[in-house]
Protein backbone atom coordinates (compact mmCIF):
# COMPACT_ATOMS: atom_id res chain seq x y z
CA MET A 1 1.76 29.59 10.60
CA ARG A 2 0.25 27.07 12.98
CA ALA A 3 -3.33 26.98 11.71
CA LEU A 4 -2.65 25.00 8.50
CA PRO A 5 -0.79 22.05 10.13
CA HIS A 6 -3.43 21.83 12.85
CA LYS A 7 -6.31 21.69 10.37
CA ILE A 8 -4.65 19.09 8.13
CA LYS A 9 -3.61 16.88 11.05
CA THR A 10 -7.13 17.07 12.50
CA PHE A 11 -8.66 15.95 9.20
CA GLN A 12 -6.17 13.12 8.65
CA LYS A 13 -6.60 11.86 12.19
CA GLU A 14 -10.35 11.57 11.72
CA PHE A 15 -10.08 9.81 8.33
CA SER A 16 -6.88 7.76 8.68
CA LEU A 17 -6.58 4.48 6.78
CA LEU A 18 -6.18 2.40 9.96
CA PRO A 19 -7.72 4.27 12.90
CA GLY A 20 -7.24 3.22 16.51
CA TYR A 21 -10.37 1.05 16.63
CA ALA A 22 -9.00 -1.08 13.77
CA PHE A 23 -6.58 -2.70 16.23
CA SER A 24 -9.52 -4.07 18.20
CA MET A 25 -10.89 -5.94 15.15
CA ARG A 26 -10.30 -9.68 15.02
CA ILE A 27 -9.72 -9.74 11.27
CA PHE A 28 -6.87 -7.21 11.61
CA TRP A 29 -4.94 -9.50 13.94
CA LEU A 30 -5.68 -12.51 11.74
CA VAL A 31 -4.17 -10.70 8.74
CA ALA A 32 -1.17 -9.63 10.84
CA LEU A 33 -0.71 -13.23 12.01
CA LEU A 34 -0.88 -14.47 8.41
CA ALA A 35 1.77 -11.97 7.30
CA ALA A 36 4.00 -13.01 10.22
CA LEU A 37 3.56 -16.69 9.33
CA ILE A 38 4.53 -16.01 5.70
CA VAL A 39 7.72 -14.20 6.71
CA GLY A 40 8.43 -16.83 9.38
CA SER A 41 8.06 -19.67 6.86
CA LEU A 42 10.70 -18.06 4.65
CA ILE A 43 13.10 -17.68 7.58
CA PHE A 44 12.48 -21.29 8.60
CA ASN A 45 13.09 -22.53 5.04
CA ALA A 46 16.33 -20.53 4.78
CA ILE A 47 17.62 -21.94 8.08
CA ASN A 48 16.55 -25.48 7.14
CA THR A 49 18.28 -25.23 3.75
CA ILE A 50 21.47 -23.36 4.64
CA VAL A 51 22.19 -24.58 8.17
CA LEU A 52 20.65 -28.06 8.21
CA LYS A 53 21.39 -28.81 4.52
CA SER A 54 17.91 -30.21 4.04
CA GLN A 55 15.52 -29.95 1.07
CA THR A 56 12.48 -31.25 2.94
CA TYR A 57 10.66 -27.92 2.89
CA SER A 58 11.89 -26.62 -0.46
CA HIS A 59 8.25 -26.24 -1.62
CA LEU A 60 7.45 -23.86 1.26
CA PRO A 61 8.36 -20.59 -0.60
CA TYR A 62 5.93 -21.43 -3.42
CA VAL A 63 3.16 -22.20 -0.92
CA SER A 64 3.87 -18.89 0.84
CA LEU A 65 3.74 -17.04 -2.48
CA GLY A 66 0.33 -18.55 -3.22
CA PHE A 67 -0.98 -17.59 0.23
CA GLU A 68 0.27 -14.04 -0.20
CA PHE A 69 -1.51 -13.41 -3.50
CA PHE A 70 -4.70 -15.40 -2.94
CA VAL A 71 -5.23 -15.00 0.82
CA LEU A 72 -3.23 -12.06 2.22
CA VAL A 73 -4.26 -9.46 -0.38
CA PRO A 74 -8.03 -10.28 -0.20
CA SER A 75 -7.79 -10.34 3.60
CA PHE A 76 -6.26 -6.87 3.62
CA LEU A 77 -9.10 -5.65 1.40
CA GLN A 78 -11.51 -7.18 3.90
CA VAL A 79 -9.83 -5.20 6.70
CA ILE A 80 -10.26 -1.95 4.72
CA CYS A 81 -13.94 -2.73 4.09
CA GLU A 82 -14.55 -3.51 7.76
CA VAL A 83 -12.84 -0.27 8.80
CA ASP A 84 -15.08 1.68 6.41
CA GLN A 85 -18.16 0.00 7.87
CA GLN A 86 -17.08 0.89 11.41
CA ARG A 87 -16.29 4.46 10.36
CA CYS A 88 -19.75 4.86 8.85
CA LYS A 89 -21.36 3.61 12.06
CA ARG A 90 -19.44 6.25 14.01
CA LEU A 91 -20.19 9.06 11.55
CA TYR A 92 -23.84 8.17 10.86
CA PRO A 93 -25.17 5.89 13.63
CA GLN A 94 -28.69 5.95 12.20
CA VAL A 95 -27.65 4.67 8.74
CA ARG A 96 -26.10 1.30 7.88
CA PRO A 97 -24.48 1.05 4.43
CA ALA A 98 -25.55 -1.94 2.35
CA SER A 99 -22.18 -2.43 0.61
CA PHE A 100 -18.65 -1.10 0.72
CA ARG A 101 -19.42 1.24 -2.22
CA ALA A 102 -22.23 2.85 -0.22
CA ALA A 103 -19.86 3.13 2.74
CA VAL A 104 -17.24 4.88 0.59
CA THR A 105 -19.91 7.31 -0.67
CA MET A 106 -20.98 8.15 2.87
CA ILE A 107 -17.37 8.64 3.99
CA ASN A 108 -16.71 10.97 1.04
CA ARG A 109 -19.74 13.03 2.03
CA ALA A 110 -18.42 13.26 5.58
CA LYS A 111 -15.03 14.36 4.21
CA TYR A 112 -16.67 17.18 2.22
CA GLU A 113 -18.47 18.35 5.35
CA ARG A 114 -15.32 18.22 7.46
CA ILE A 115 -13.26 20.15 4.88
CA GLU A 116 -15.86 22.91 4.78
CA ALA A 117 -15.93 22.99 8.59
CA LEU A 118 -12.12 23.38 8.74
CA PHE A 119 -11.43 25.59 5.72
CA GLY A 120 -14.81 27.24 5.17
CA PRO A 121 -17.20 26.85 2.21
CA GLN A 122 -15.27 25.99 -0.94
CA GLU A 123 -16.20 26.72 -4.52
CA SER A 124 -13.79 24.08 -5.80
CA LEU A 125 -11.50 21.60 -4.10
CA GLU A 126 -8.91 22.09 -6.87
CA LYS A 127 -8.68 25.80 -6.02
CA LEU A 128 -8.31 24.94 -2.35
CA ALA A 129 -5.49 22.51 -3.17
CA LYS A 130 -3.66 25.12 -5.29
CA SER A 131 -3.96 27.79 -2.59
CA LEU A 132 -2.69 25.38 0.09
CA ILE A 133 0.29 24.39 -2.08
CA GLU A 134 1.18 28.05 -2.64
CA GLU A 135 0.94 28.75 1.08
CA TRP A 136 3.01 25.62 1.90
CA LYS A 137 5.78 26.55 -0.55
CA TRP A 138 5.78 30.11 0.73
CA ARG A 139 6.25 28.91 4.31
CA ARG A 140 8.96 26.42 3.27
CA GLU A 141 10.81 29.22 1.47
CA ILE A 142 10.72 31.34 4.60
CA GLN A 143 12.12 28.46 6.67
CA LEU A 144 14.90 27.83 4.15
CA ASN A 145 15.86 31.49 3.97
CA ALA A 146 15.85 31.66 7.76
CA GLY A 147 18.49 28.91 7.78
CA GLU A 148 18.56 25.46 9.28
CA THR A 149 19.74 24.83 12.79
CA ASP A 150 22.46 22.31 13.59
CA VAL A 151 19.88 20.06 15.21
CA GLN A 152 17.82 19.93 12.00
CA LYS A 153 20.92 19.10 9.94
CA ALA A 154 21.88 16.31 12.35
CA ARG A 155 18.34 14.92 12.21
CA LYS A 156 18.45 14.78 8.40
CA PHE A 157 21.72 12.81 8.58
CA PHE A 158 20.00 10.01 10.50
CA ARG A 159 16.93 9.96 8.27
CA LEU A 160 15.91 6.51 6.99
CA PRO A 161 16.46 5.91 3.26
CA SER A 162 13.53 5.43 0.91
CA SER A 163 12.49 2.01 -0.39
CA SER A 164 14.06 2.66 -3.81
CA ASN A 165 17.35 3.78 -2.22
CA LEU A 166 17.32 0.72 0.01
CA ALA A 167 16.96 -1.53 -3.05
CA THR A 168 19.85 0.34 -4.70
CA TYR A 169 22.05 -0.15 -1.63
CA LEU A 170 21.20 -3.86 -1.58
CA ALA A 171 22.08 -4.23 -5.27
CA GLY A 172 25.38 -2.42 -4.65
CA VAL A 173 26.28 -4.76 -1.78
CA LEU A 174 25.50 -7.82 -3.91
CA ALA A 175 27.63 -6.40 -6.75
CA ILE A 176 30.56 -5.92 -4.35
CA VAL A 177 30.21 -9.48 -3.07
CA ALA A 178 30.10 -10.83 -6.63
CA GLY A 179 33.20 -8.80 -7.55
CA VAL A 180 35.11 -10.15 -4.54
CA VAL A 181 34.12 -13.74 -5.41
CA VAL A 182 35.23 -13.33 -9.03
CA ALA A 183 38.53 -11.73 -7.96
CA LEU A 184 39.33 -14.60 -5.57
CA ILE A 185 38.67 -17.39 -8.10
CA ASP A 186 41.81 -19.36 -8.92
CA LYS A 187 42.29 -19.34 -12.71
CA ASP A 188 43.85 -22.84 -12.92
CA ASN A 189 41.04 -24.42 -10.95
CA PHE A 190 38.51 -22.46 -12.98
CA TYR A 191 39.81 -23.74 -16.35
CA GLN A 192 40.06 -27.29 -15.03
CA GLY A 193 36.43 -27.17 -13.92
CA LEU A 194 35.09 -25.91 -17.27
CA PRO A 195 33.80 -29.40 -18.32
CA ASN A 196 31.61 -29.47 -15.20
CA LEU A 197 30.68 -25.82 -15.46
CA TRP A 198 27.14 -26.40 -16.76
CA ASP A 199 26.25 -28.80 -13.93
CA SER A 200 27.58 -26.34 -11.37
CA PHE A 201 25.76 -23.47 -13.06
CA GLU A 202 22.49 -25.41 -13.08
CA PHE A 203 22.85 -26.29 -9.39
CA TRP A 204 23.75 -22.78 -8.25
CA TYR A 205 21.12 -21.19 -10.49
CA GLY A 206 18.43 -23.37 -8.91
CA ALA A 207 19.74 -22.65 -5.42
CA LEU A 208 19.86 -18.91 -6.15
CA PHE A 209 16.30 -18.97 -7.50
CA LYS A 210 14.92 -20.86 -4.48
CA LEU A 211 16.88 -19.13 -1.73
CA ILE A 212 17.04 -15.53 -3.00
CA VAL A 213 14.73 -14.75 -5.94
CA VAL A 214 11.56 -16.43 -4.65
CA PRO A 215 11.95 -15.23 -1.02
CA ILE A 216 12.58 -11.65 -2.18
CA ALA A 217 9.51 -11.86 -4.46
CA ILE A 218 7.43 -13.11 -1.53
CA CYS A 219 8.79 -10.62 1.01
CA ILE A 220 8.61 -7.56 -1.24
CA ILE A 221 5.05 -6.64 -0.21
CA PRO A 222 5.36 -7.36 3.56
CA LEU A 223 8.83 -5.80 3.79
CA ALA A 224 7.74 -2.72 1.84
CA ALA A 225 4.76 -2.37 4.17
CA ILE A 226 7.00 -2.86 7.23
CA TRP A 227 9.58 -0.36 5.98
CA SER A 228 6.92 2.21 5.13
CA SER A 229 5.34 1.61 8.53
CA ILE A 230 8.66 2.23 10.31
CA LYS A 231 9.13 5.53 8.47
CA ALA A 232 5.48 6.45 9.08
CA ILE A 233 5.87 5.67 12.78
CA GLY A 234 8.84 8.04 12.93
CA ARG A 235 6.84 10.82 11.28
CA ILE A 236 3.84 10.11 13.52
CA LEU A 237 5.99 10.31 16.65
CA ALA A 238 7.48 13.61 15.50
CA GLU A 239 4.03 15.01 14.67
CA ASN A 240 2.55 13.81 17.97
CA MET A 241 5.40 15.36 19.95
CA ASP A 242 5.02 18.70 18.15
CA ASP A 243 1.50 19.85 17.27
CA ASP A 244 2.91 22.54 14.96
CA PHE A 245 5.02 20.09 12.90
CA LEU A 246 3.63 18.66 9.66
CA SER A 247 5.82 16.53 7.40
CA GLN A 248 5.88 17.12 3.66
CA PRO A 249 4.56 13.61 2.79
CA LYS A 250 1.61 14.20 5.12
CA PHE A 251 0.85 17.54 3.52
CA TYR A 252 0.93 16.23 -0.05
CA SER A 253 -1.07 13.15 0.89
CA PHE A 254 -3.78 15.58 2.03
CA ILE A 255 -3.51 17.47 -1.27
CA LYS A 256 -3.80 14.17 -3.16
CA GLU A 257 -6.92 13.30 -1.19
CA LEU A 258 -8.44 16.69 -2.02
CA LEU A 259 -7.86 16.07 -5.74
CA GLU A 260 -9.32 12.57 -5.50
CA LEU A 261 -12.41 13.93 -3.79
CA ALA A 262 -12.74 16.53 -6.56
CA ASP A 263 -12.43 13.81 -9.21
CA ARG A 264 -15.15 11.73 -7.57
CA LYS A 265 -17.61 14.58 -8.11
CA GLU A 266 -17.21 14.18 -11.87
CA ARG A 267 -19.25 11.47 -13.55
CA ARG A 268 -17.18 8.66 -15.04
CA LEU A 269 -17.89 7.91 -18.67
CA LEU A 270 -15.89 4.66 -18.86
CA LEU A 271 -16.98 2.18 -16.19
CA LYS A 272 -15.37 -1.10 -17.31
CA THR A 273 -12.37 -0.85 -15.00
CA THR A 274 -14.51 0.43 -12.14
CA GLY A 275 -16.99 -2.41 -12.61
CA ARG A 276 -14.27 -5.06 -12.69
CA ALA A 277 -12.64 -3.64 -9.56
CA TYR A 278 -15.97 -3.40 -7.73
CA TRP A 279 -17.11 -6.95 -8.45
CA SER A 280 -13.63 -8.36 -7.82
CA ILE A 281 -13.54 -6.79 -4.37
CA ARG A 282 -17.08 -8.02 -3.67
CA LEU A 283 -16.14 -11.58 -4.64
CA LEU A 284 -12.85 -11.57 -2.73
CA THR A 285 -14.23 -10.08 0.50
CA ALA A 286 -17.69 -11.63 0.71
CA PRO A 287 -18.48 -14.67 2.91
CA ILE A 288 -18.41 -17.98 1.04
CA HIS A 289 -22.18 -18.52 1.25
CA GLU A 290 -22.79 -15.15 -0.49
CA VAL A 291 -20.43 -15.78 -3.43
CA PRO A 292 -23.10 -17.50 -5.66
CA ASN A 293 -25.49 -14.57 -5.21
CA ILE A 294 -22.76 -12.06 -6.03
CA TYR A 295 -21.78 -14.07 -9.11
CA ARG A 296 -25.40 -13.95 -10.30
CA ASN A 297 -25.40 -10.20 -9.76
CA VAL A 298 -22.24 -9.96 -11.87
CA ARG A 299 -23.93 -11.75 -14.77
CA ARG A 300 -27.03 -9.60 -14.33
CA SER A 301 -24.91 -6.44 -14.42
CA LYS A 302 -23.28 -7.58 -17.67
CA ARG A 303 -26.69 -8.22 -19.26
CA LEU A 304 -27.95 -4.79 -18.19
CA ALA A 305 -24.83 -3.15 -19.59
CA LYS A 306 -25.39 -4.88 -22.96
CA LEU A 307 -29.03 -3.75 -23.02
CA ARG A 308 -28.02 -0.15 -22.29
CA LYS A 309 -25.45 -0.30 -25.07
CA VAL A 310 -28.05 -1.59 -27.54
CA LYS A 311 -30.57 1.08 -26.55
CA LYS A 312 -27.93 3.79 -26.86
CA SER A 313 -26.90 2.61 -30.34
CA LYS A 314 -30.56 2.51 -31.45
CA ALA A 315 -31.15 6.02 -30.13
CA LEU A 316 -28.10 7.34 -31.99
CA SER A 317 -29.09 5.60 -35.24
CA GLY A 318 -32.71 6.75 -34.98
């Protein structure tokens, strides 16, 4: 019962999204600094607005939102591309991929080779995934029938909630606060203030939008990444402390990767979405001086696609 977790953990360690050498890359720390500055700007704006009663930096959340979508996301894609380039250099020192698509192809080939080295020659990756799921469920059933220890039950009690449950808890707390506020409103003062209700509503609506809605919209991606990272760190610590332990999310992430590798073997018939994603990533991650050349390649690719479509229609009509 130890062989399967060891094989999966070995594979995932070799092909992790952010390996250890990613932390030595300058662009990684620049992206981390940018994310910290975005979150810090929101904290600074909240303190400046609530504590100091100042509206000097009320535009800061909108600037942070723009930086998140137009700078942080492309920078993260750049980190992934740089990691793939470094991984290719380590796997195939004699070959240097020309683009990130070539790097992904080389990494997929290395994954096929590593899977066959760990699990033996495979006729189909889908069959391998199904057999691993059956074996995993069989082992889980044995563990459940054997009964859980008190230590395992106590550990589940202190487990961190998921992101969706956390959002539900937050909404429940806000609902309780709103109910308390409504219950404490004095009816006489409320009816006397009805003529000025619209002005008060407009003021509080604007304050709520600036102080709560926009910051939550900006923080949703960094906070989700931070929360997922905290949970992942907990699983990683548990897996590093016990070589025989493999968490269920780790196992099914490996199964998902097997299915994705199997899908990549099939030829795609519709390439519009793939083409848009490819050229968008090239434009967002390329150096500024290479952007005109990439844009010309985009136009050339569109012309070639139109020519192929015309030739195909002529061949079908003829």
